[in-house]
Structures are given as C-alpha cells and as structure tokens.
Amino acid sequence: MSGQPVPCSPQEIASLFLFEKLSPEQRGRLCAEGRVERFEPGPVYAEGEPATCFYVMIEGTVVLSRRVGNDDVEVTRTSQRGVYAGAMQAYIGDRVRQVYNNSMRVTEPTRFFVLPADTFASIMQEWFPMAVHLLEGLFFGSKSMQATIGQRERLLALGSLSAGLTHELNNPAAAAVRATAALRERVVKMRHKLAVITEGSFSRDALAGLIEIQERTAERVAKAPALTPLEATDREDALTGWLEDHGIDHGWQLAPTFVQGGLDVDWLEQVAAAVDEEILPGAVGWLNYTVETELLMDEIGDSTTRISHLVEAAKQYSQLDRAPYQVADVHELLDSTLLMLSGKIGQRIKVVKQYDRTLPRIPAYPAELNQVWTNLIDNAVDAINGAGGEGTLTVRTARHDDRLLVEFRDSGPGVPPEIRDRIFDPFFTTKPVGRGTGLGLDISWRIVVNKHRGTLRVESVPGDTRFQVLLPLTVTDADDIPLTSEEPA
C-alpha cells in the first residue's frame, strides 16, 4: 500500500531519535533520497512480502502483527514518535531473503519517513561500517544459536525416544528368548515321546496315521480363531471332560494348550476315530507337544516380526540413509512416530487413527515433520497426563482445500485463552522447570511455516484441543522449498 507523499523537512527528521546525531548534510541526504508519506487507517505492508522500504513513524499509531495459523496476532501497538519497522535487515543484502517479518497497519492518519531498502543498506554500509559488522555478527550468531538450540531439542527428543525404543525392543526380545528356551525343552520331550512310540507295538499304518494327524493339527494351530475369555473357558471345560472320559491323565493341564491351538472336542473325536484306543493317550500327548511347539514358534515369529517393525519404524522416524527432501507419505511418518512414542503414550491413553488413505504423497522434509509430530504428540500426552492420565489422542488426516491436514486432538484440559497467542513463542512453556525448554512449538512452527510454507494453528476448549498442521500438496514455487537440508530461519 502506498501513502500520500508530503514534503520532507530535514529539521523534522532531526527530531526523530534515530537521526538526531546525524550531521545536517546527512539529514539532507536522507530527505533527498527518502520521502515522507501519509497513510490513512489500514494496512501498510504484509508479512512475507518483499521488504522494499524502511519506515520510521513521525506521528500516528502503528500496529505490528504476526501470522499464527490463520490468525493475525498483534505483537506491538504504539504511538511513540521515531519507532521504526520494515526492511530492517536490508544491510545484510542477498545473503538473507529480504521479506517483511511482520505486518504493519495504522489505526489513524499516520506519517512515516520512508527510505528505500537499497538506499538504507548503502547508507548503513557507508556511514556505520563498524555497526554493520556488529549487527551482522548478532544476526548470524542468533541464527546459528537457533540452529544449535533446534539440534539440542532434537537430541533431547531422541534421548527420550531411545529410552522408549529400548523398552519396546526389550519386550519382544525377552519373549523370544523365553519362547526359544521353552521350545528347546519341548523338542527334547518330543524326541523322547517319539522314541517311546517307536519302541511300542504300533503298526506302520498307525504310525503313518499319527504323523498325518500331526500335520493336520499343525495346520489347525496356524488357523486358530480368537476366542473371548468366556468362550475359552467353556471350551477348556469341555476338553477337560472329554480327556478324563477317555482315561487321559492331567487333562486339565492339556486343555488350555489345545484351546489356544484351536482344537476342540470334535477334533479330538476325529483323532480318537483315527487311532487305536490303546495308543490314544500317547497320540494325545504327542499332539500336545506338537501344539506347544507350533505356538512357541508362532510366539518367536511374532516377537522377531515386532522387533523388525520397531527397527523399521526407527529408520523411518530418523530417515537414515534417505534424502532430506523427498516425496513422502505422511501416514508412514505418523505411524513411525506413534510407534516410537508408544512407550510414553502408555496403556491408559487410547490412540485413535482417522486417516484418509486417498491422500497423495507430498514433497517435504520427512525427518523434520517427524520432529513436529513428536512435539505435538508429546504435548498432547502431557496434557492428558496432567488431567488424570486417562484420555484419547486422535490423529486425523484429511484434504483441506488444496492442502493436506494433519490434526492432533487430545481430551486434556485445553489451552487457556490468555496464553493461546503465546504458545508458539520461543522459550514459552507451562511445564515445570527442567521438564520443558519452551522451544518445541516454536521449532514446530518454523518447520511447518518457514520450511514447508504451511500453517500450524490451535483450537482449544476444555476436553478438546486440536493442533492442526496444513501442508501444501504440491510445490508451487521451486524457490519456496529449496532442495537442501538448511535449517529454518
């Protein structure tokens, strides 16, 4: 928006604290190369637009705001003469993308001294070379500090995730070790039982029939149905009665294994019909070892598969051996993050996934999006734990106009209205000292907004807080999302 030009007076310029120490010749040059403009109430410039001018207010009232999600959050409102805004980093030149870092509007007729950005940069370099060096050092030092802090935040998260991953890996690994030891014991007993059977007076046909029953029993175990506790108890009682009626000792010990393996009374009747009565107890004992070994091998297979999935999830989460920028499936990223955080989420929090699987893969920095998911899930879990430890975390994906929506919804107490506009500020935290850095949401905001040209916003009422991430479905400008692993500014 352009203002109405008005005459520039070097004397009036000299009354502004920014220029009061300048010489008459310097103030004359400012008036010659700059201008005074009068703006009616309304916008002066918008956040994200190319920073073309440096503004110093002579009289009036200005309001500066920052974009948070779909809302403009007011950060400054002042009527103080001499306040300045706009292309304040023009002296750095092309080393930094020169855009307005906030939006400015005026609430009453307001006059500004306006200096073009390139003129401001050349005057700074010419008049204040030492100050420019100091300012450059502060700017790039601050940027480096932000990158270091971001790396530290990721390392802290990785440490927490590593502890959780170790716990998650320990469970299936311990189960596999136990099952392997039990399997070795059962195989020894099976060899002993086989020796007893072969030493008996069994015909060749009887032995062949027994082997055939064993094969069919193993197939039945592989297809064992899932039973409710009540169904399992009823089936155990029926099998125990059948075994006792057929003179088989310790039927109550065999019945639970048979039920777990999917065997029932009808199956045992088929076994009884296929073998002679005198070898039935031996056949049942042989089948018991068969069922046990099959179940143990299933347990080992499930445990090792679980370990494999955890390792794959860790690779997916960390994006090891993958390009920093790629076309990614957000559902794979979300699943790997949820799996990595499953130890912290615990059993008392119910996780509900509402995924729109028709959504396309999107261009993104997957490792950094995983960091965003981690921060948002971590905050949701803390909120639920702070409200008693039981609740629901819902992760939803959907298409929102021309963008992809990822929503994290928790049933915690909500974000109080008085701090809602501050939660994305650096170092702002409501967690106790030592438990939070106040950087998680700030880093998440910069990854989503600055690096992916997306939106991060929050909607909250008690019992229903929703952090929403909106990401572009496609790259509309190659300059917007560079194919590098550069830290967000």
Protein backbone atom coordinates (compact mmCIF):
# COMPACT_ATOMS: atom_id res chain seq x y z
CA MET A 1 0.00 0.00 0.00
CA SER A 2 1.34 3.43 -0.93
CA GLY A 3 0.83 6.57 1.10
CA GLN A 4 0.31 10.15 0.03
CA PRO A 5 3.64 11.99 -0.48
CA VAL A 6 4.16 15.09 1.68
CA PRO A 7 7.17 17.43 1.92
CA CYS A 8 10.22 16.16 3.79
CA SER A 9 11.80 18.57 6.29
CA PRO A 10 15.37 17.90 7.47
CA GLN A 11 14.51 19.71 10.71
CA GLU A 12 11.62 17.34 11.38
CA ILE A 13 13.83 14.37 10.52
CA ALA A 14 16.37 15.63 13.06
CA SER A 15 13.70 15.45 15.80
CA LEU A 16 13.46 11.67 15.44
CA PHE A 17 15.77 9.90 17.92
CA LEU A 18 17.13 7.57 15.22
CA PHE A 19 18.57 10.55 13.27
CA GLU A 20 19.25 13.16 15.98
CA LYS A 21 23.04 12.56 15.98
CA LEU A 22 23.39 12.92 12.20
CA SER A 23 25.01 15.95 10.60
CA PRO A 24 22.94 18.47 8.60
CA GLU A 25 24.47 17.06 5.41
CA GLN A 26 23.44 13.52 6.35
CA ARG A 27 19.87 14.61 7.20
CA GLY A 28 19.74 16.48 3.90
CA ARG A 29 20.73 13.33 2.04
CA LEU A 30 18.03 11.34 3.87
CA CYS A 31 15.38 13.82 2.75
CA ALA A 32 16.77 13.84 -0.78
CA GLU A 33 16.83 10.05 -1.17
CA GLY A 34 13.89 9.20 1.11
CA ARG A 35 10.40 10.61 1.36
CA VAL A 36 7.63 11.37 3.83
CA GLU A 37 4.30 9.64 3.23
CA ARG A 38 0.93 9.96 4.92
CA PHE A 39 -1.15 6.78 5.34
CA GLU A 40 -4.85 6.58 6.06
CA PRO A 41 -6.05 3.89 8.52
CA GLY A 42 -5.39 0.44 7.07
CA PRO A 43 -2.51 -1.83 6.05
CA VAL A 44 0.94 -0.52 5.17
CA TYR A 45 2.67 -3.81 4.30
CA ALA A 46 2.03 -7.54 4.84
CA GLU A 47 4.18 -10.26 6.37
CA GLY A 48 6.06 -12.28 3.74
CA GLU A 49 6.03 -9.59 1.04
CA PRO A 50 9.39 -8.41 -0.36
CA ALA A 51 10.89 -5.90 2.08
CA THR A 52 11.33 -2.81 -0.10
CA CYS A 53 11.18 0.03 2.45
CA PHE A 54 12.35 1.08 5.91
CA TYR A 55 9.71 3.03 7.86
CA VAL A 56 10.19 5.50 10.73
CA MET A 57 6.95 6.88 12.25
CA ILE A 58 6.74 10.67 12.59
CA GLU A 59 3.23 10.82 14.06
CA GLY A 60 0.23 8.49 14.38
CA THR A 61 -0.34 4.96 15.67
CA VAL A 62 1.05 1.71 14.29
CA VAL A 63 0.14 -1.92 14.97
CA LEU A 64 2.55 -4.77 14.18
CA SER A 65 1.23 -8.34 13.95
CA ARG A 66 2.50 -11.83 13.16
CA ARG A 67 0.68 -14.59 11.33
CA VAL A 68 -0.06 -17.66 13.52
CA GLY A 69 -2.08 -20.23 11.60
CA ASN A 70 -4.96 -18.33 10.01
CA ASP A 71 -4.91 -15.59 12.63
CA ASP A 72 -3.03 -12.28 12.80
CA VAL A 73 -1.68 -11.94 16.33
CA GLU A 74 -0.93 -8.39 17.45
CA VAL A 75 2.58 -8.07 18.89
CA THR A 76 3.01 -4.29 19.17
CA ARG A 77 0.77 -1.22 19.24
CA THR A 78 2.40 2.18 19.78
CA SER A 79 2.12 5.92 19.15
CA GLN A 80 5.72 6.71 20.10
CA ARG A 81 7.45 9.03 17.61
CA GLY A 82 10.51 7.54 15.97
CA VAL A 83 9.61 3.85 16.17
CA TYR A 84 10.78 2.00 13.09
CA ALA A 85 9.95 -1.19 11.16
CA GLY A 86 10.15 -2.75 7.72
CA ALA A 87 13.35 -3.64 5.85
CA MET A 88 15.49 -3.61 8.99
CA GLN A 89 17.92 -6.25 7.68
CA ALA A 90 18.49 -4.75 4.24
CA TYR A 91 22.15 -4.12 5.16
CA ILE A 92 22.75 -7.91 5.00
CA GLY A 93 21.85 -7.95 1.32
CA ASP A 94 21.20 -11.09 -0.69
CA ARG A 95 22.63 -13.39 1.99
CA VAL A 96 19.17 -13.40 3.60
CA ARG A 97 15.81 -13.48 1.84
CA GLN A 98 14.53 -9.93 2.31
CA VAL A 99 10.87 -10.12 3.27
CA TYR A 100 8.79 -8.33 5.89
CA ASN A 101 8.85 -10.38 9.10
CA ASN A 102 5.55 -8.93 10.30
CA SER A 103 2.54 -6.99 9.07
CA MET A 104 2.05 -3.29 9.78
CA ARG A 105 -1.12 -1.23 9.77
CA VAL A 106 -2.10 2.17 11.08
CA THR A 107 -5.23 2.93 13.09
CA GLU A 108 -5.31 6.70 12.39
CA PRO A 109 -3.80 9.02 9.78
CA THR A 110 -0.07 8.43 10.21
CA ARG A 111 3.05 9.97 8.69
CA PHE A 112 6.24 7.97 8.07
CA PHE A 113 9.70 8.82 6.87
CA VAL A 114 10.19 6.13 4.20
CA LEU A 115 13.61 5.07 2.96
CA PRO A 116 14.00 2.57 0.07
CA ALA A 117 15.68 -0.63 1.24
CA ASP A 118 18.64 -0.39 -1.12
CA THR A 119 19.27 3.22 -0.05
CA PHE A 120 19.00 2.23 3.60
CA ALA A 121 21.53 -0.58 3.01
CA SER A 122 24.06 1.64 1.21
CA ILE A 123 23.79 4.42 3.84
CA MET A 124 24.29 1.89 6.66
CA GLN A 125 27.37 0.43 4.95
CA GLU A 126 28.81 3.89 4.23
CA TRP A 127 28.03 5.70 7.48
CA PHE A 128 28.21 2.92 10.06
CA PRO A 129 30.60 0.19 8.79
CA MET A 130 31.58 -0.97 12.27
CA ALA A 131 27.95 -1.07 13.42
CA VAL A 132 27.04 -3.11 10.34
CA HIS A 133 29.71 -5.67 11.20
CA LEU A 134 28.39 -5.92 14.74
CA LEU A 135 24.79 -6.25 13.56
CA GLU A 136 25.74 -8.92 11.04
CA GLY A 137 27.51 -10.83 13.78
CA LEU A 138 24.47 -10.60 16.04
CA PHE A 139 22.11 -11.66 13.25
CA PHE A 140 24.06 -14.68 12.05
CA GLY A 141 25.05 -15.56 15.61
CA SER A 142 21.38 -15.58 16.58
CA LYS A 143 20.58 -17.75 13.57
CA SER A 144 23.37 -20.16 14.49
CA MET A 145 22.12 -20.24 18.07
CA GLN A 146 18.62 -21.10 16.86
CA ALA A 147 20.04 -23.96 14.79
CA THR A 148 22.07 -25.21 17.76
CA ILE A 149 19.09 -25.00 20.07
CA GLY A 150 16.98 -26.82 17.49
CA GLN A 151 19.60 -29.56 17.28
CA ARG A 152 19.69 -29.77 21.09
CA GLU A 153 15.91 -30.08 21.17
CA ARG A 154 16.11 -32.93 18.66
CA LEU A 155 18.80 -34.65 20.71
CA LEU A 156 16.68 -34.37 23.86
CA ALA A 157 13.74 -35.87 21.99
CA LEU A 158 15.98 -38.61 20.57
CA GLY A 159 17.22 -39.47 24.06
CA SER A 160 13.66 -39.82 25.30
CA LEU A 161 12.69 -41.84 22.24
CA SER A 162 15.74 -44.09 22.59
CA ALA A 163 14.73 -44.98 26.13
CA GLY A 164 11.22 -45.77 24.94
CA LEU A 165 12.53 -47.75 21.97
CA THR A 166 14.83 -49.77 24.24
CA HIS A 167 11.85 -50.65 26.40
CA GLU A 168 9.74 -51.56 23.37
CA LEU A 169 12.51 -53.74 21.92
CA ASN A 170 13.16 -55.44 25.25
CA ASN A 171 9.65 -56.89 25.50
CA PRO A 172 9.61 -58.90 22.24
CA ALA A 173 13.30 -59.79 22.64
CA ALA A 174 12.67 -61.21 26.13
CA ALA A 175 9.60 -63.04 24.84
CA ALA A 176 11.63 -64.59 22.01
CA VAL A 177 14.32 -65.73 24.47
CA ARG A 178 11.74 -67.32 26.78
CA ALA A 179 9.95 -68.99 23.90
CA THR A 180 13.22 -70.33 22.48
CA ALA A 181 14.15 -71.89 25.84
CA ALA A 182 10.69 -73.44 26.17
CA LEU A 183 10.81 -74.68 22.57
CA ARG A 184 14.14 -76.43 23.19
CA GLU A 185 12.60 -78.18 26.21
CA ARG A 186 9.54 -79.27 24.23
CA VAL A 187 11.65 -80.61 21.35
CA VAL A 188 13.64 -82.72 23.83
CA LYS A 189 10.40 -84.13 25.23
CA MET A 190 9.05 -84.70 21.74
CA ARG A 191 12.14 -86.71 20.80
CA HIS A 192 11.67 -88.77 23.97
CA LYS A 193 7.99 -89.32 23.18
CA LEU A 194 8.90 -90.33 19.62
CA ALA A 195 11.36 -92.89 20.97
CA VAL A 196 8.67 -94.33 23.28
CA ILE A 197 6.18 -94.54 20.42
CA THR A 198 8.62 -96.24 18.04
CA GLU A 199 9.52 -98.80 20.71
CA GLY A 200 5.86 -99.73 21.15
CA SER A 201 3.86 -102.28 19.20
CA PHE A 202 2.47 -99.77 16.73
CA SER A 203 1.86 -100.83 13.19
CA ARG A 204 3.32 -98.97 10.27
CA ASP A 205 -0.16 -97.75 9.28
CA ALA A 206 -0.83 -96.50 12.84
CA LEU A 207 2.39 -94.51 12.84
CA ALA A 208 1.61 -93.07 9.41
CA GLY A 209 -1.87 -92.09 10.64
CA LEU A 210 -0.35 -90.43 13.69
CA ILE A 211 2.03 -88.41 11.52
CA GLU A 212 -0.83 -87.39 9.26
CA ILE A 213 -2.87 -86.23 12.29
CA GLN A 214 0.15 -84.27 13.50
CA GLU A 215 0.39 -82.43 10.16
CA ARG A 216 -3.31 -81.57 10.19
CA THR A 217 -3.05 -80.43 13.82
CA ALA A 218 -0.18 -78.06 12.94
CA GLU A 219 -2.31 -76.60 10.13
CA ARG A 220 -5.20 -76.15 12.55
CA VAL A 221 -2.97 -74.28 15.03
CA ALA A 222 -1.98 -71.84 12.30
CA LYS A 223 -5.68 -71.03 11.77
CA ALA A 224 -6.67 -70.91 15.46
CA PRO A 225 -9.58 -68.47 15.99
CA ALA A 226 -9.50 -65.68 18.55
CA LEU A 227 -11.80 -66.54 21.46
CA THR A 228 -13.30 -64.41 24.17
CA PRO A 229 -12.31 -65.34 27.75
CA LEU A 230 -15.75 -66.87 28.29
CA GLU A 231 -15.56 -68.93 25.09
CA ALA A 232 -12.06 -70.14 26.02
CA THR A 233 -13.21 -71.18 29.50
CA ASP A 234 -16.20 -73.11 28.14
CA ARG A 235 -14.03 -74.91 25.59
CA GLU A 236 -11.41 -75.79 28.25
CA ASP A 237 -14.11 -77.32 30.46
CA ALA A 238 -15.44 -79.39 27.55
CA LEU A 239 -11.97 -80.63 26.57
CA THR A 240 -11.06 -81.46 30.18
CA GLY A 241 -14.23 -83.58 30.47
CA TRP A 242 -13.53 -85.38 27.20
CA LEU A 243 -9.91 -86.18 28.18
CA GLU A 244 -10.97 -87.53 31.57
CA ASP A 245 -13.71 -89.66 29.97
CA HIS A 246 -11.08 -91.24 27.70
CA GLY A 247 -8.71 -92.07 30.54
CA ILE A 248 -6.11 -89.43 29.79
CA ASP A 249 -4.36 -88.15 32.91
CA HIS A 250 -3.87 -84.47 33.67
CA GLY A 251 -6.49 -83.42 31.13
CA TRP A 252 -6.91 -80.07 32.90
CA GLN A 253 -3.27 -79.28 32.08
CA LEU A 254 -3.59 -80.22 28.42
CA ALA A 255 -6.91 -78.46 27.77
CA PRO A 256 -5.63 -74.80 27.84
CA THR A 257 -2.92 -75.62 25.28
CA PHE A 258 -5.40 -77.36 22.98
CA VAL A 259 -7.82 -74.41 23.22
CA GLN A 260 -5.05 -71.93 22.42
CA GLY A 261 -4.13 -74.06 19.41
CA GLY A 262 -7.71 -74.05 18.10
CA LEU A 263 -8.55 -77.68 18.96
CA ASP A 264 -11.97 -78.69 20.26
CA VAL A 265 -13.92 -81.83 21.21
CA ASP A 266 -14.87 -82.52 17.59
CA TRP A 267 -11.19 -82.55 16.63
CA LEU A 268 -10.28 -84.96 19.42
CA GLU A 269 -13.14 -87.21 18.33
CA GLN A 270 -11.57 -87.35 14.87
CA VAL A 271 -8.22 -88.25 16.45
CA ALA A 272 -9.85 -90.99 18.56
CA ALA A 273 -11.53 -92.41 15.46
CA ALA A 274 -8.23 -92.46 13.55
CA VAL A 275 -6.08 -94.33 16.09
CA ASP A 276 -6.49 -97.46 18.16
CA GLU A 277 -7.79 -96.97 21.68
CA GLU A 278 -4.59 -98.24 23.33
CA ILE A 279 -2.41 -95.65 21.64
CA LEU A 280 -4.87 -92.74 22.14
CA PRO A 281 -3.12 -91.40 25.32
CA GLY A 282 0.24 -91.46 23.55
CA ALA A 283 -1.28 -89.82 20.47
CA VAL A 284 -2.85 -87.07 22.58
CA GLY A 285 0.45 -86.47 24.38
CA TRP A 286 2.25 -86.34 21.04
CA LEU A 287 -0.28 -83.83 19.71
CA ASN A 288 0.12 -81.74 22.86
CA TYR A 289 3.85 -81.36 22.13
CA THR A 290 3.01 -80.55 18.52
CA VAL A 291 0.61 -77.77 19.55
CA GLU A 292 3.07 -76.39 22.09
CA THR A 293 5.95 -76.25 19.60
CA GLU A 294 3.76 -74.60 16.97
CA LEU A 295 2.56 -71.98 19.48
CA LEU A 296 6.10 -71.32 20.63
CA MET A 297 7.33 -70.92 17.06
CA ASP A 298 4.44 -68.51 16.43
CA GLU A 299 5.49 -66.54 19.51
CA ILE A 300 9.08 -66.38 18.31
CA GLY A 301 7.90 -65.32 14.85
CA ASP A 302 5.65 -62.61 16.30
CA SER A 303 8.43 -61.34 18.55
CA THR A 304 11.03 -61.15 15.80
CA THR A 305 8.49 -59.52 13.48
CA ARG A 306 7.77 -56.96 16.19
CA ILE A 307 11.49 -56.26 16.54
CA SER A 308 11.79 -55.88 12.77
CA HIS A 309 8.85 -53.45 12.70
CA LEU A 310 10.38 -51.41 15.52
CA VAL A 311 13.72 -51.20 13.74
CA GLU A 312 11.99 -50.21 10.50
CA ALA A 313 9.95 -47.60 12.39
CA ALA A 314 13.17 -46.21 13.90
CA LYS A 315 14.69 -45.95 10.41
CA GLN A 316 11.51 -44.32 9.10
CA TYR A 317 11.46 -41.90 12.01
CA SER A 318 15.13 -40.91 11.76
CA GLN A 319 15.11 -41.04 7.93
CA LEU A 320 18.50 -42.76 7.97
CA ASP A 321 20.05 -43.21 4.52
CA ARG A 322 17.31 -41.10 2.94
CA ALA A 323 17.39 -37.75 1.18
CA PRO A 324 16.45 -34.84 3.48
CA TYR A 325 13.89 -33.62 0.94
CA GLN A 326 11.64 -36.15 -0.76
CA VAL A 327 8.08 -37.05 -1.65
CA ALA A 328 6.69 -38.74 1.46
CA ASP A 329 3.60 -40.49 2.78
CA VAL A 330 2.53 -38.63 5.93
CA HIS A 331 0.78 -41.76 7.23
CA GLU A 332 4.06 -43.69 7.28
CA LEU A 333 5.67 -40.80 9.14
CA LEU A 334 2.81 -40.60 11.64
CA ASP A 335 2.81 -44.36 12.26
CA SER A 336 6.56 -44.47 12.84
CA THR A 337 6.35 -41.55 15.29
CA LEU A 338 3.42 -43.09 17.19
CA LEU A 339 5.31 -46.37 17.42
CA MET A 340 8.45 -44.63 18.66
CA LEU A 341 6.38 -42.80 21.28
CA SER A 342 4.25 -45.79 22.29
CA GLY A 343 6.25 -46.26 25.48
CA LYS A 344 5.49 -42.71 26.61
CA ILE A 345 1.88 -42.83 25.46
CA GLY A 346 1.29 -45.90 27.61
CA GLN A 347 -1.78 -48.07 28.03
CA ARG A 348 -4.09 -45.53 29.67
CA ILE A 349 -4.24 -43.24 26.64
CA LYS A 350 -6.30 -44.53 23.74
CA VAL A 351 -4.87 -43.69 20.31
CA VAL A 352 -7.41 -43.32 17.51
CA LYS A 353 -6.24 -43.05 13.89
CA GLN A 354 -8.59 -41.41 11.41
CA TYR A 355 -6.55 -41.50 8.20
CA ASP A 356 -7.72 -40.54 4.73
CA ARG A 357 -5.67 -43.09 2.80
CA THR A 358 -6.63 -41.48 -0.53
CA LEU A 359 -4.37 -38.51 0.20
CA PRO A 360 -1.34 -38.25 -2.10
CA ARG A 361 2.29 -38.29 -1.06
CA ILE A 362 3.63 -34.77 -0.61
CA PRO A 363 7.02 -33.02 -1.08
CA ALA A 364 8.51 -32.49 2.37
CA TYR A 365 11.40 -32.84 4.79
CA PRO A 366 10.21 -36.07 6.48
CA ALA A 367 12.71 -36.10 9.35
CA GLU A 368 11.68 -32.60 10.35
CA LEU A 369 7.97 -33.37 10.04
CA ASN A 370 8.59 -36.31 12.37
CA GLN A 371 10.01 -33.79 14.82
CA VAL A 372 6.79 -31.76 14.53
CA TRP A 373 4.65 -34.88 15.13
CA THR A 374 6.85 -35.75 18.13
CA ASN A 375 6.43 -32.32 19.72
CA LEU A 376 2.66 -32.22 19.18
CA ILE A 377 2.08 -35.79 20.41
CA ASP A 378 4.37 -35.18 23.38
CA ASN A 379 2.39 -32.08 24.36
CA ALA A 380 -0.92 -33.93 23.96
CA VAL A 381 0.27 -36.80 26.17
CA ASP A 382 1.49 -34.35 28.82
CA ALA A 383 -1.87 -32.56 28.72
CA ILE A 384 -3.79 -35.82 29.20
CA ASN A 385 -1.45 -36.99 31.96
CA GLY A 386 -1.90 -33.65 33.70
CA ALA A 387 -5.65 -34.23 33.72
CA GLY A 388 -5.51 -37.67 35.36
CA GLY A 389 -3.64 -39.82 32.86
CA GLU A 390 -6.63 -41.29 31.02
CA GLY A 391 -7.92 -39.93 27.76
CA THR A 392 -7.90 -40.13 23.99
CA LEU A 393 -5.40 -38.94 21.40
CA THR A 394 -6.90 -38.76 17.92
CA VAL A 395 -4.65 -38.36 14.88
CA ARG A 396 -6.58 -37.37 11.75
CA THR A 397 -5.61 -36.67 8.16
CA ALA A 398 -7.84 -35.09 5.55
CA ARG A 399 -7.82 -32.89 2.47
CA HIS A 400 -8.44 -29.22 3.29
CA ASP A 401 -8.98 -27.30 0.05
CA ASP A 402 -5.62 -27.58 -1.77
CA ARG A 403 -3.69 -28.64 1.32
CA LEU A 404 -3.20 -31.72 3.46
CA LEU A 405 -4.44 -31.52 7.05
CA VAL A 406 -2.84 -33.42 9.93
CA GLU A 407 -4.73 -32.91 13.20
CA PHE A 408 -3.72 -33.97 16.70
CA ARG A 409 -6.70 -33.89 19.06
CA ASP A 410 -6.47 -34.60 22.78
CA SER A 411 -9.00 -34.77 25.59
CA GLY A 412 -6.84 -32.80 28.03
CA PRO A 413 -7.84 -29.65 29.92
CA GLY A 414 -7.19 -27.34 26.97
CA VAL A 415 -5.03 -24.27 26.38
CA PRO A 416 -6.19 -21.24 28.44
CA PRO A 417 -7.26 -18.31 26.23
CA GLU A 418 -4.85 -15.92 27.95
CA ILE A 419 -1.78 -17.89 26.76
CA ARG A 420 -3.07 -19.19 23.44
CA ASP A 421 -1.36 -16.42 21.49
CA ARG A 422 1.99 -17.07 23.23
CA ILE A 423 2.39 -20.84 22.95
CA PHE A 424 4.39 -20.56 19.70
CA ASP A 425 6.80 -18.01 21.21
CA PRO A 426 10.38 -19.20 21.86
CA PHE A 427 11.08 -20.31 25.44
CA PHE A 428 7.43 -20.01 26.49
CA THR A 429 6.38 -23.09 28.45
CA THR A 430 3.85 -24.07 31.08
CA LYS A 431 5.84 -27.14 32.13
CA PRO A 432 7.78 -27.22 35.40
CA VAL A 433 11.42 -26.14 35.42
CA GLY A 434 13.60 -28.88 33.94
CA ARG A 435 10.78 -30.58 32.04
CA GLY A 436 10.36 -28.27 29.09
CA THR A 437 12.51 -25.86 27.10
CA GLY A 438 9.65 -23.86 25.61
CA LEU A 439 11.09 -24.48 22.15
CA GLY A 440 9.06 -27.43 20.90
CA LEU A 441 6.17 -25.43 19.44
CA ASP A 442 8.44 -22.63 18.24
CA ILE A 443 10.60 -25.14 16.33
CA SER A 444 7.47 -26.89 15.03
CA TRP A 445 6.05 -23.58 13.85
CA ARG A 446 9.26 -22.69 11.99
CA ILE A 447 9.47 -26.15 10.37
CA VAL A 448 5.85 -26.03 9.19
CA VAL A 449 5.56 -22.35 8.28
CA ASN A 450 9.06 -21.29 7.23
CA LYS A 451 10.36 -24.51 5.73
CA HIS A 452 7.21 -26.11 4.28
CA ARG A 453 5.16 -22.95 3.57
CA GLY A 454 2.38 -24.50 5.64
CA THR A 455 0.21 -23.46 8.58
CA LEU A 456 0.26 -24.50 12.25
CA ARG A 457 -2.69 -23.46 14.37
CA VAL A 458 -4.52 -24.45 17.53
CA GLU A 459 -8.18 -24.65 18.52
CA SER A 460 -8.91 -25.41 22.14
CA VAL A 461 -11.73 -25.77 24.61
CA PRO A 462 -11.59 -27.86 27.80
CA GLY A 463 -11.61 -31.52 26.80
CA ASP A 464 -10.94 -30.84 23.12
CA THR A 465 -7.64 -29.34 21.97
CA ARG A 466 -6.67 -29.61 18.31
CA PHE A 467 -3.30 -28.73 16.83
CA GLN A 468 -3.68 -28.60 13.06
CA VAL A 469 -0.87 -28.76 10.52
CA LEU A 470 -1.74 -27.75 6.96
CA LEU A 471 0.83 -28.63 4.29
CA PRO A 472 0.89 -27.89 0.55
CA LEU A 473 0.04 -30.87 -1.63
CA THR A 474 2.47 -29.72 -4.31
CA VAL A 475 5.41 -27.35 -4.73
CA THR A 476 4.09 -24.22 -6.40
CA ASP A 477 7.41 -22.35 -6.49
CA ALA A 478 10.79 -24.04 -6.62
CA ASP A 479 12.25 -21.14 -4.64
CA ASP A 480 9.79 -21.60 -1.80
CA ILE A 481 11.01 -25.01 -0.63
CA PRO A 482 14.68 -25.45 -1.53
CA LEU A 483 16.02 -28.93 -2.03
CA THR A 484 18.53 -28.61 0.81
CA SER A 485 18.74 -29.61 4.45
CA GLU A 486 19.23 -25.98 5.55
CA GLU A 487 17.90 -25.13 9.00
CA PRO A 488 14.74 -22.96 9.05
CA ALA A 489 15.47 -19.29 9.62
